[in-house]
Amino acid sequence: MTGLFYNMELKYITQDNIDDAHVNITSAEMYKEFKEYNQKMLDMQKKRHRFLRDFWALWAMNLVLAPAILFVSYLGGFSPLLKVNGRLMWLCAVVVLLCEALLVYIVGIRKIYSFKAGLLITLIMIPASIFYICLAVANALVLYIMENIDSGIKNETGYPHFVQLSGSYKSIVKDGEVFGIEGENVYATGLKAENVVPEDPFAKYRIKPEDDMGMLADNDINNCKE
């Protein structure tokens, strides 16, 4: 599979590799693409973490300020409705609760990070208290930042978790040179020896686990000595 990722052409990493979060590296070019891909994933993870920071800050802010504003407005008479009739306190509380539930549905469940929606929903609370204007502006600002971050990463490969790939090296190291193995073919990879985990040199002399728990066969050990 050949595809574009963040202005980087993927020649060796396939969708199956991305789904499995693993790739078998068999050449220097593949190793270079592997390193570049993981660096891009790391960059995307950092942006995603900033998004999640703002996401949870939004709910913490509403959890604290929404009831606090209503309570202070009731005590100080800053509510247009409560000024007329203090018994409307419960009605105002219901309006605030419904607006917050709508915000949770649109932003938290539907994943619509629209600052316009956040602003309009919070403005509905103003009859309960004129101070909800401040909360409306704050919600709109946070959602605007979240929307910008999400629009920049949502079309990228690996969204939303951006998992990095783990690499394995089907290769052998001899005299500081790295040789890849593919079927029965052996080829020079161009990789540096320190970047490669060599295969177990005794692997071919081991009995299969279903035969005898993977222990070395005596006759194979004798053959090795020869």
C-alpha atoms as a PDB file:
ATOM      1  CA  MET A   1       0.000   0.000   0.000  1.00  0.00           C
ATOM      2  CA  THR A   2       1.218   3.453  -0.879  1.00  0.00           C
ATOM      3  CA  GLY A   3      -0.429   6.412   0.771  1.00  0.00           C
ATOM      4  CA  LEU A   4       0.090   9.959   1.901  1.00  0.00           C
ATOM      5  CA  PHE A   5       0.510  10.805   5.524  1.00  0.00           C
ATOM      6  CA  TYR A   6       1.313  14.351   6.605  1.00  0.00           C
ATOM      7  CA  ASN A   7       3.146  15.014   3.312  1.00  0.00           C
ATOM      8  CA  MET A   8       5.057  11.756   3.801  1.00  0.00           C
ATOM      9  CA  GLU A   9       4.638   8.961   1.277  1.00  0.00           C
ATOM     10  CA  LEU A  10       4.220   5.562   2.896  1.00  0.00           C
ATOM     11  CA  LYS A  11       5.898   2.938   0.745  1.00  0.00           C
ATOM     12  CA  TYR A  12       6.536   0.170   3.263  1.00  0.00           C
ATOM     13  CA  ILE A  13       4.062   0.644   6.126  1.00  0.00           C
ATOM     14  CA  THR A  14       0.671  -0.820   5.247  1.00  0.00           C
ATOM     15  CA  GLN A  15      -2.770  -0.437   6.780  1.00  0.00           C
ATOM     16  CA  ASP A  16      -2.375  -3.899   8.303  1.00  0.00           C
ATOM     17  CA  ASN A  17       0.806  -2.713  10.034  1.00  0.00           C
ATOM     18  CA  ILE A  18      -1.074   0.304  11.401  1.00  0.00           C
ATOM     19  CA  ASP A  19      -3.973  -1.870  12.598  1.00  0.00           C
ATOM     20  CA  ASP A  20      -1.573  -4.298  14.304  1.00  0.00           C
ATOM     21  CA  ALA A  21       0.703  -1.502  15.602  1.00  0.00           C
ATOM     22  CA  HIS A  22       3.633  -3.611  14.448  1.00  0.00           C
ATOM     23  CA  VAL A  23       5.919  -3.815  11.444  1.00  0.00           C
ATOM     24  CA  ASN A  24       8.709  -6.194  10.476  1.00  0.00           C
ATOM     25  CA  ILE A  25      11.641  -4.109   9.259  1.00  0.00           C
ATOM     26  CA  THR A  26      13.680  -5.580   6.445  1.00  0.00           C
ATOM     27  CA  SER A  27      15.599  -2.638   4.945  1.00  0.00           C
ATOM     28  CA  ALA A  28      17.252   0.657   5.803  1.00  0.00           C
ATOM     29  CA  GLU A  29      14.584   2.554   3.845  1.00  0.00           C
ATOM     30  CA  MET A  30      11.835   0.779   5.747  1.00  0.00           C
ATOM     31  CA  TYR A  31      13.556   1.549   9.045  1.00  0.00           C
ATOM     32  CA  LYS A  32      13.747   5.252   8.105  1.00  0.00           C
ATOM     33  CA  GLU A  33      10.035   5.345   7.263  1.00  0.00           C
ATOM     34  CA  PHE A  34       9.289   3.485  10.519  1.00  0.00           C
ATOM     35  CA  LYS A  35      11.146   6.145  12.551  1.00  0.00           C
ATOM     36  CA  GLU A  36       9.479   9.020  10.671  1.00  0.00           C
ATOM     37  CA  TYR A  37       6.037   7.482  11.140  1.00  0.00           C
ATOM     38  CA  ASN A  38       6.515   7.059  14.878  1.00  0.00           C
ATOM     39  CA  GLN A  39       7.744  10.656  15.190  1.00  0.00           C
ATOM     40  CA  LYS A  40       4.579  11.858  13.430  1.00  0.00           C
ATOM     41  CA  MET A  41       2.469   9.748  15.753  1.00  0.00           C
ATOM     42  CA  LEU A  42       4.241  11.320  18.724  1.00  0.00           C
ATOM     43  CA  ASP A  43       3.543  14.816  17.368  1.00  0.00           C
ATOM     44  CA  MET A  44      -0.132  13.943  16.883  1.00  0.00           C
ATOM     45  CA  GLN A  45      -0.322  12.491  20.403  1.00  0.00           C
ATOM     46  CA  LYS A  46       0.920  15.792  21.845  1.00  0.00           C
ATOM     47  CA  LYS A  47      -1.808  17.689  19.995  1.00  0.00           C
ATOM     48  CA  ARG A  48      -4.388  15.155  21.121  1.00  0.00           C
ATOM     49  CA  HIS A  49      -3.278  15.585  24.738  1.00  0.00           C
ATOM     50  CA  ARG A  50      -3.773  19.354  24.453  1.00  0.00           C
ATOM     51  CA  PHE A  51      -7.253  18.710  23.105  1.00  0.00           C
ATOM     52  CA  LEU A  52      -8.113  16.369  25.981  1.00  0.00           C
ATOM     53  CA  ARG A  53      -6.780  18.913  28.484  1.00  0.00           C
ATOM     54  CA  ASP A  54      -9.220  21.521  27.136  1.00  0.00           C
ATOM     55  CA  PHE A  55     -12.003  18.931  26.863  1.00  0.00           C
ATOM     56  CA  TRP A  56     -11.889  18.087  30.579  1.00  0.00           C
ATOM     57  CA  ALA A  57     -11.282  21.721  31.537  1.00  0.00           C
ATOM     58  CA  LEU A  58     -14.577  22.577  29.820  1.00  0.00           C
ATOM     59  CA  TRP A  59     -16.543  20.155  31.970  1.00  0.00           C
ATOM     60  CA  ALA A  60     -14.741  21.107  35.175  1.00  0.00           C
ATOM     61  CA  MET A  61     -15.477  24.772  34.493  1.00  0.00           C
ATOM     62  CA  ASN A  62     -19.189  24.112  33.883  1.00  0.00           C
ATOM     63  CA  LEU A  63     -19.489  21.768  36.852  1.00  0.00           C
ATOM     64  CA  VAL A  64     -18.181  24.457  39.204  1.00  0.00           C
ATOM     65  CA  LEU A  65     -19.445  27.701  37.665  1.00  0.00           C
ATOM     66  CA  ALA A  66     -22.962  26.734  36.532  1.00  0.00           C
ATOM     67  CA  PRO A  67     -24.351  26.004  40.044  1.00  0.00           C
ATOM     68  CA  ALA A  68     -22.160  28.652  41.687  1.00  0.00           C
ATOM     69  CA  ILE A  69     -23.491  31.437  39.447  1.00  0.00           C
ATOM     70  CA  LEU A  70     -27.073  30.369  40.077  1.00  0.00           C
ATOM     71  CA  PHE A  71     -26.579  30.272  43.839  1.00  0.00           C
ATOM     72  CA  VAL A  72     -24.800  33.653  44.019  1.00  0.00           C
ATOM     73  CA  SER A  73     -27.430  35.235  41.754  1.00  0.00           C
ATOM     74  CA  TYR A  74     -30.213  33.945  43.977  1.00  0.00           C
ATOM     75  CA  LEU A  75     -28.592  35.419  47.062  1.00  0.00           C
ATOM     76  CA  GLY A  76     -27.673  38.737  45.424  1.00  0.00           C
ATOM     77  CA  GLY A  77     -30.752  39.255  43.295  1.00  0.00           C
ATOM     78  CA  PHE A  78     -28.851  39.311  40.000  1.00  0.00           C
ATOM     79  CA  SER A  79     -31.327  37.094  38.173  1.00  0.00           C
ATOM     80  CA  PRO A  80     -33.983  38.779  35.986  1.00  0.00           C
ATOM     81  CA  LEU A  81     -36.473  36.056  36.929  1.00  0.00           C
ATOM     82  CA  LEU A  82     -35.494  35.604  40.560  1.00  0.00           C
ATOM     83  CA  LYS A  83     -35.739  39.342  41.093  1.00  0.00           C
ATOM     84  CA  VAL A  84     -39.447  39.124  40.376  1.00  0.00           C
ATOM     85  CA  ASN A  85     -40.242  35.948  42.244  1.00  0.00           C
ATOM     86  CA  GLY A  86     -37.794  34.047  44.410  1.00  0.00           C
ATOM     87  CA  ARG A  87     -39.946  30.929  44.068  1.00  0.00           C
ATOM     88  CA  LEU A  88     -38.717  30.592  40.484  1.00  0.00           C
ATOM     89  CA  MET A  89     -35.398  29.392  41.847  1.00  0.00           C
ATOM     90  CA  TRP A  90     -36.209  25.768  41.031  1.00  0.00           C
ATOM     91  CA  LEU A  91     -37.385  26.660  37.516  1.00  0.00           C
ATOM     92  CA  CYS A  92     -34.102  28.449  36.847  1.00  0.00           C
ATOM     93  CA  ALA A  93     -32.176  25.473  38.198  1.00  0.00           C
ATOM     94  CA  VAL A  94     -34.053  23.159  35.793  1.00  0.00           C
ATOM     95  CA  VAL A  95     -33.260  25.451  32.840  1.00  0.00           C
ATOM     96  CA  VAL A  96     -29.565  25.472  33.759  1.00  0.00           C
ATOM     97  CA  LEU A  97     -29.537  21.686  34.183  1.00  0.00           C
ATOM     98  CA  LEU A  98     -31.210  21.109  30.811  1.00  0.00           C
ATOM     99  CA  CYS A  99     -28.774  23.447  29.061  1.00  0.00           C
ATOM    100  CA  GLU A 100     -25.804  21.673  30.604  1.00  0.00           C
ATOM    101  CA  ALA A 101     -27.272  18.304  29.576  1.00  0.00           C
ATOM    102  CA  LEU A 102     -27.666  19.596  26.013  1.00  0.00           C
ATOM    103  CA  LEU A 103     -24.041  20.747  26.032  1.00  0.00           C
ATOM    104  CA  VAL A 104     -22.922  17.294  27.211  1.00  0.00           C
ATOM    105  CA  TYR A 105     -24.958  15.665  24.445  1.00  0.00           C
ATOM    106  CA  ILE A 106     -23.656  17.850  21.628  1.00  0.00           C
ATOM    107  CA  VAL A 107     -20.010  18.119  22.705  1.00  0.00           C
ATOM    108  CA  GLY A 108     -19.429  15.007  24.791  1.00  0.00           C
ATOM    109  CA  ILE A 109     -21.588  12.472  22.936  1.00  0.00           C
ATOM    110  CA  ARG A 110     -22.030  13.792  19.387  1.00  0.00           C
ATOM    111  CA  LYS A 111     -18.451  15.145  19.332  1.00  0.00           C
ATOM    112  CA  ILE A 112     -19.545  18.437  17.735  1.00  0.00           C
ATOM    113  CA  TYR A 113     -16.933  20.928  18.894  1.00  0.00           C
ATOM    114  CA  SER A 114     -18.687  24.088  17.712  1.00  0.00           C
ATOM    115  CA  PHE A 115     -18.049  27.315  19.621  1.00  0.00           C
ATOM    116  CA  LYS A 116     -21.316  28.715  18.207  1.00  0.00           C
ATOM    117  CA  ALA A 117     -23.296  25.864  19.732  1.00  0.00           C
ATOM    118  CA  GLY A 118     -21.555  26.310  23.082  1.00  0.00           C
ATOM    119  CA  LEU A 119     -22.247  30.041  23.053  1.00  0.00           C
ATOM    120  CA  LEU A 120     -25.935  29.750  22.131  1.00  0.00           C
ATOM    121  CA  ILE A 121     -26.678  26.939  24.582  1.00  0.00           C
ATOM    122  CA  THR A 122     -25.116  28.823  27.491  1.00  0.00           C
ATOM    123  CA  LEU A 123     -26.881  32.069  26.549  1.00  0.00           C
ATOM    124  CA  ILE A 124     -30.210  30.327  27.179  1.00  0.00           C
ATOM    125  CA  MET A 125     -29.250  30.392  30.875  1.00  0.00           C
ATOM    126  CA  ILE A 126     -29.149  34.211  31.017  1.00  0.00           C
ATOM    127  CA  PRO A 127     -32.742  34.578  32.326  1.00  0.00           C
ATOM    128  CA  ALA A 128     -31.526  32.649  35.386  1.00  0.00           C
ATOM    129  CA  SER A 129     -28.546  34.993  35.852  1.00  0.00           C
ATOM    130  CA  ILE A 130     -26.882  37.730  33.840  1.00  0.00           C
ATOM    131  CA  PHE A 131     -23.512  36.286  34.915  1.00  0.00           C
ATOM    132  CA  TYR A 132     -24.053  33.340  32.593  1.00  0.00           C
ATOM    133  CA  ILE A 133     -22.810  35.679  29.862  1.00  0.00           C
ATOM    134  CA  CYS A 134     -19.315  35.131  31.280  1.00  0.00           C
ATOM    135  CA  LEU A 135     -19.745  31.357  31.193  1.00  0.00           C
ATOM    136  CA  ALA A 136     -21.076  31.545  27.639  1.00  0.00           C
ATOM    137  CA  VAL A 137     -17.982  33.430  26.478  1.00  0.00           C
ATOM    138  CA  ALA A 138     -15.686  31.020  28.332  1.00  0.00           C
ATOM    139  CA  ASN A 139     -17.408  27.963  26.799  1.00  0.00           C
ATOM    140  CA  ALA A 140     -17.206  29.474  23.322  1.00  0.00           C
ATOM    141  CA  LEU A 141     -13.499  30.245  23.738  1.00  0.00           C
ATOM    142  CA  VAL A 142     -12.582  26.743  24.944  1.00  0.00           C
ATOM    143  CA  LEU A 143     -14.662  25.103  22.212  1.00  0.00           C
ATOM    144  CA  TYR A 144     -13.049  27.331  19.589  1.00  0.00           C
ATOM    145  CA  ILE A 145      -9.596  26.116  20.668  1.00  0.00           C
ATOM    146  CA  MET A 146     -10.796  22.500  20.763  1.00  0.00           C
ATOM    147  CA  GLU A 147     -12.362  22.810  17.311  1.00  0.00           C
ATOM    148  CA  ASN A 148      -9.127  24.127  15.806  1.00  0.00           C
ATOM    149  CA  ILE A 149      -7.039  21.323  17.327  1.00  0.00           C
ATOM    150  CA  ASP A 150      -9.481  18.590  16.333  1.00  0.00           C
ATOM    151  CA  SER A 151      -9.865  19.838  12.739  1.00  0.00           C
ATOM    152  CA  GLY A 152      -6.084  19.674  12.385  1.00  0.00           C
ATOM    153  CA  ILE A 153      -5.769  16.036  13.451  1.00  0.00           C
ATOM    154  CA  LYS A 154      -9.066  14.262  12.738  1.00  0.00           C
ATOM    155  CA  ASN A 155      -8.171  13.401   9.136  1.00  0.00           C
ATOM    156  CA  GLU A 156      -4.744  12.025  10.034  1.00  0.00           C
ATOM    157  CA  THR A 157      -3.831   8.347  10.014  1.00  0.00           C
ATOM    158  CA  GLY A 158      -4.213   6.804  13.466  1.00  0.00           C
ATOM    159  CA  TYR A 159      -6.862   9.252  14.747  1.00  0.00           C
ATOM    160  CA  PRO A 160      -7.813   9.524  17.556  1.00  0.00           C
ATOM    161  CA  HIS A 161      -5.233   7.518  19.538  1.00  0.00           C
ATOM    162  CA  PHE A 162      -2.216   7.761  17.183  1.00  0.00           C
ATOM    163  CA  VAL A 163      -0.596   4.541  18.351  1.00  0.00           C
ATOM    164  CA  GLN A 164       3.095   4.204  17.517  1.00  0.00           C
ATOM    165  CA  LEU A 165       4.362   1.103  15.748  1.00  0.00           C
ATOM    166  CA  SER A 166       6.600  -1.454  17.386  1.00  0.00           C
ATOM    167  CA  GLY A 167       9.277  -2.855  15.104  1.00  0.00           C
ATOM    168  CA  SER A 168      10.881  -6.246  14.817  1.00  0.00           C
ATOM    169  CA  TYR A 169      13.908  -7.164  12.771  1.00  0.00           C
ATOM    170  CA  LYS A 170      14.032 -10.523  11.030  1.00  0.00           C
ATOM    171  CA  SER A 171      17.764 -10.351  10.489  1.00  0.00           C
ATOM    172  CA  ILE A 172      21.216 -11.575  11.452  1.00  0.00           C
ATOM    173  CA  VAL A 173      24.326  -9.620  12.338  1.00  0.00           C
ATOM    174  CA  LYS A 174      27.716 -10.809  11.098  1.00  0.00           C
ATOM    175  CA  ASP A 175      30.967  -8.883  11.481  1.00  0.00           C
ATOM    176  CA  GLY A 176      29.045  -5.696  12.257  1.00  0.00           C
ATOM    177  CA  GLU A 177      26.937  -5.952   9.094  1.00  0.00           C
ATOM    178  CA  VAL A 178      23.199  -6.552   9.079  1.00  0.00           C
ATOM    179  CA  PHE A 179      21.585  -9.068   6.770  1.00  0.00           C
ATOM    180  CA  GLY A 180      17.837  -9.446   6.371  1.00  0.00           C
ATOM    181  CA  ILE A 181      16.059 -12.756   5.939  1.00  0.00           C
ATOM    182  CA  GLU A 182      13.046 -13.182   3.705  1.00  0.00           C
ATOM    183  CA  GLY A 183      12.068 -16.764   2.986  1.00  0.00           C
ATOM    184  CA  GLU A 184      15.266 -18.468   1.927  1.00  0.00           C
ATOM    185  CA  ASN A 185      16.862 -15.271   0.656  1.00  0.00           C
ATOM    186  CA  VAL A 186      19.485 -13.302   2.588  1.00  0.00           C
ATOM    187  CA  TYR A 187      20.248  -9.704   1.637  1.00  0.00           C
ATOM    188  CA  ALA A 188      22.204  -6.752   3.020  1.00  0.00           C
ATOM    189  CA  THR A 189      19.846  -4.255   4.656  1.00  0.00           C
ATOM    190  CA  GLY A 190      22.142  -1.277   5.152  1.00  0.00           C
ATOM    191  CA  LEU A 191      21.052  -0.999   8.779  1.00  0.00           C
ATOM    192  CA  LYS A 192      23.525  -0.350  11.541  1.00  0.00           C
ATOM    193  CA  ALA A 193      24.130  -3.286  13.843  1.00  0.00           C
ATOM    194  CA  GLU A 194      23.093  -1.369  16.977  1.00  0.00           C
ATOM    195  CA  ASN A 195      19.623  -0.807  15.489  1.00  0.00           C
ATOM    196  CA  VAL A 196      18.940  -4.512  15.089  1.00  0.00           C
ATOM    197  CA  VAL A 197      17.926  -7.219  17.515  1.00  0.00           C
ATOM    198  CA  PRO A 198      19.526 -10.372  16.067  1.00  0.00           C
ATOM    199  CA  GLU A 199      17.602 -13.601  15.992  1.00  0.00           C
ATOM    200  CA  ASP A 200      18.492 -16.351  18.422  1.00  0.00           C
ATOM    201  CA  PRO A 201      21.419 -18.189  16.754  1.00  0.00           C
ATOM    202  CA  PHE A 202      20.276 -21.433  18.392  1.00  0.00           C
ATOM    203  CA  ALA A 203      16.657 -21.086  17.233  1.00  0.00           C
ATOM    204  CA  LYS A 204      17.053 -23.585  14.379  1.00  0.00           C
ATOM    205  CA  TYR A 205      18.437 -26.205  16.777  1.00  0.00           C
ATOM    206  CA  ARG A 206      15.459 -26.103  19.128  1.00  0.00           C
ATOM    207  CA  ILE A 207      12.809 -28.804  19.156  1.00  0.00           C
ATOM    208  CA  LYS A 208       9.324 -27.447  18.585  1.00  0.00           C
ATOM    209  CA  PRO A 209       7.425 -26.794  21.864  1.00  0.00           C
ATOM    210  CA  GLU A 210       4.772 -29.356  21.029  1.00  0.00           C
ATOM    211  CA  ASP A 211       7.536 -31.984  20.798  1.00  0.00           C
ATOM    212  CA  ASP A 212       9.572 -31.345  23.938  1.00  0.00           C
ATOM    213  CA  MET A 213       8.953 -27.894  25.491  1.00  0.00           C
ATOM    214  CA  GLY A 214      11.380 -26.195  23.100  1.00  0.00           C
ATOM    215  CA  MET A 215      14.569 -27.650  24.612  1.00  0.00           C
ATOM    216  CA  LEU A 216      17.694 -28.186  22.535  1.00  0.00           C
ATOM    217  CA  ALA A 217      17.969 -31.624  20.977  1.00  0.00           C
ATOM    218  CA  ASP A 218      21.093 -33.559  21.924  1.00  0.00           C
ATOM    219  CA  ASN A 219      21.789 -34.651  18.381  1.00  0.00           C
ATOM    220  CA  ASP A 220      21.469 -31.029  17.132  1.00  0.00           C
ATOM    221  CA  ILE A 221      23.887 -29.794  19.805  1.00  0.00           C
ATOM    222  CA  ASN A 222      26.351 -32.433  18.706  1.00  0.00           C
ATOM    223  CA  ASN A 223      25.900 -31.307  15.127  1.00  0.00           C
ATOM    224  CA  CYS A 224      26.621 -27.717  16.189  1.00  0.00           C
ATOM    225  CA  LYS A 225      29.907 -28.744  17.745  1.00  0.00           C
ATOM    226  CA  GLU A 226      30.950 -30.389  14.509  1.00  0.00           C
END
